């Protein structure tokens, strides 16, 4: 089992619960050195490396392989599940996965930052 940092539409409890079957503990988290950009004509973001920026989100702990398979399918071909290190509100660093936007799809990203508040 592994941890997962979520930063976009998976922040919605309704969307999260519609995909996974497990009940997972979570914490607020900050991912340094990344940006969350709007995807053209979509309601979801792309996460990319970007020095000097940070992305706020949540970490879910001990995700089952079955639920990771469901999450991989939900994220689709534009995303790759990558290992990252992030900072919890407690100040502790944690290793986990995050879905990064694949470089071959960067042309779909806008220069604007994506905000969860704007899709609610």
Protein backbone atom coordinates (compact mmCIF):
# COMPACT_ATOMS: atom_id res chain seq x y z
CA UNK A 1 0.00 0.00 0.00
CA UNK A 2 1.15 3.52 -0.84
CA UNK A 3 0.13 7.11 -0.23
CA UNK A 4 -1.36 9.50 -2.81
CA UNK A 5 -1.26 13.30 -3.07
CA UNK A 6 -4.37 14.77 -4.71
CA UNK A 7 -4.54 18.35 -5.92
CA UNK A 8 -7.42 18.70 -8.41
CA UNK A 9 -10.85 17.18 -8.93
CA UNK A 10 -9.97 14.34 -6.53
CA UNK A 11 -10.15 16.94 -3.74
CA UNK A 12 -13.92 16.59 -4.14
CA UNK A 13 -15.10 14.00 -1.62
CA UNK A 14 -17.92 13.04 -4.00
CA UNK A 15 -15.57 12.35 -6.90
CA UNK A 16 -13.07 10.55 -4.63
CA UNK A 17 -15.78 8.27 -3.17
CA UNK A 18 -17.17 7.52 -6.66
CA UNK A 19 -13.80 6.00 -7.64
CA UNK A 20 -12.30 4.29 -4.59
CA UNK A 21 -13.88 1.67 -2.36
CA UNK A 22 -11.51 2.02 0.60
CA UNK A 23 -11.93 4.41 3.51
CA UNK A 24 -8.59 6.19 3.83
CA UNK A 25 -7.09 8.53 6.40
CA UNK A 26 -5.99 11.88 4.97
CA UNK A 27 -4.16 15.11 5.83
CA UNK A 28 -3.68 18.51 4.25
CA UNK A 29 -0.37 18.74 2.41
CA UNK A 30 1.77 21.11 0.35
CA UNK A 31 3.84 20.07 -2.66
CA UNK A 32 6.77 22.42 -3.23
CA UNK A 33 8.36 22.92 -6.64
CA UNK A 34 5.20 22.28 -8.69
CA UNK A 35 2.38 24.21 -10.34
CA UNK A 36 -1.25 23.31 -10.98
CA UNK A 37 -2.27 24.63 -14.42
CA UNK A 38 -5.61 24.73 -16.18
CA UNK A 39 -6.13 22.27 -19.01
CA UNK A 40 -7.68 23.95 -22.06
CA UNK A 41 -11.48 23.53 -22.20
CA UNK A 42 -11.51 21.14 -19.19
CA UNK A 43 -12.50 21.38 -15.52
CA UNK A 44 -9.41 19.57 -14.26
CA UNK A 45 -5.77 20.65 -13.80
CA UNK A 46 -2.37 19.36 -14.84
CA UNK A 47 0.42 19.14 -12.27
CA UNK A 48 3.87 20.10 -13.57
CA UNK A 49 7.28 20.79 -12.03
CA UNK A 50 7.87 24.50 -11.51
CA UNK A 51 10.60 25.93 -9.26
CA UNK A 52 9.50 28.42 -6.64
CA UNK A 53 5.81 27.48 -6.65
CA UNK A 54 3.73 25.19 -4.48
CA UNK A 55 0.46 23.30 -4.69
CA UNK A 56 -1.88 22.74 -1.77
CA UNK A 57 -3.82 19.50 -1.61
CA UNK A 58 -4.46 16.36 0.40
CA UNK A 59 -2.59 13.15 1.03
CA UNK A 60 -4.47 9.87 1.37
CA UNK A 61 -2.66 7.08 3.19
CA UNK A 62 -2.23 3.38 2.41
CA UNK A 63 -4.23 3.19 -0.82
CA UNK A 64 -4.90 -0.37 -1.96
CA UNK A 65 -3.58 -1.61 -5.31
CA UNK A 66 -7.18 -2.20 -6.42
CA UNK A 67 -8.04 1.45 -5.79
CA UNK A 68 -4.83 2.60 -7.49
CA UNK A 69 -5.91 0.66 -10.61
CA UNK A 70 -9.25 2.53 -10.51
CA UNK A 71 -7.47 5.86 -10.00
CA UNK A 72 -5.05 5.15 -12.85
CA UNK A 73 -8.02 4.51 -15.16
CA UNK A 74 -9.76 7.69 -13.95
CA UNK A 75 -6.67 9.83 -14.57
CA UNK A 76 -6.17 8.45 -18.08
CA UNK A 77 -3.35 8.75 -20.58
CA UNK A 78 -2.56 12.43 -19.90
CA UNK A 79 -1.19 11.56 -16.45
CA UNK A 80 1.62 9.41 -15.07
CA UNK A 81 1.74 8.26 -11.46
CA UNK A 82 5.10 9.42 -10.09
CA UNK A 83 6.91 9.22 -6.74
CA UNK A 84 7.21 12.57 -4.97
CA UNK A 85 8.06 13.97 -1.55
CA UNK A 86 5.75 16.51 0.05
CA UNK A 87 5.38 18.53 3.23
CA UNK A 88 2.55 17.96 5.70
CA UNK A 89 1.09 20.76 7.80
CA UNK A 90 2.91 19.18 10.77
CA UNK A 91 6.23 19.91 9.02
CA UNK A 92 6.91 16.24 8.28
CA UNK A 93 8.09 15.16 4.80
CA UNK A 94 6.25 12.15 3.32
CA UNK A 95 6.89 10.01 0.25
CA UNK A 96 3.87 9.35 -1.92
CA UNK A 97 2.55 9.20 -5.46
CA UNK A 98 1.03 12.04 -7.47
CA UNK A 99 -0.43 12.12 -10.97
CA UNK A 100 1.80 14.42 -13.04
CA UNK A 101 0.74 15.73 -16.42
CA UNK A 102 2.79 13.99 -19.13
CA UNK A 103 5.16 16.20 -21.13
CA UNK A 104 3.68 15.10 -24.45
CA UNK A 105 0.41 16.80 -23.42
CA UNK A 106 1.89 20.10 -22.16
CA UNK A 107 0.42 21.85 -25.24
CA UNK A 108 -3.01 21.33 -23.61
CA UNK A 109 -2.06 23.41 -20.56
CA UNK A 110 -2.78 27.12 -20.18
CA UNK A 111 -0.53 29.61 -18.41
CA UNK A 112 -3.28 30.14 -15.82
CA UNK A 113 -3.31 28.44 -12.46
CA UNK A 114 -6.22 26.10 -11.73
CA UNK A 115 -8.36 26.60 -8.64
CA UNK A 116 -10.67 24.03 -7.05
CA UNK A 117 -12.89 26.88 -5.85
CA UNK A 118 -13.73 27.87 -9.44
CA UNK A 119 -15.31 24.49 -10.29
CA UNK A 120 -17.55 24.22 -7.21
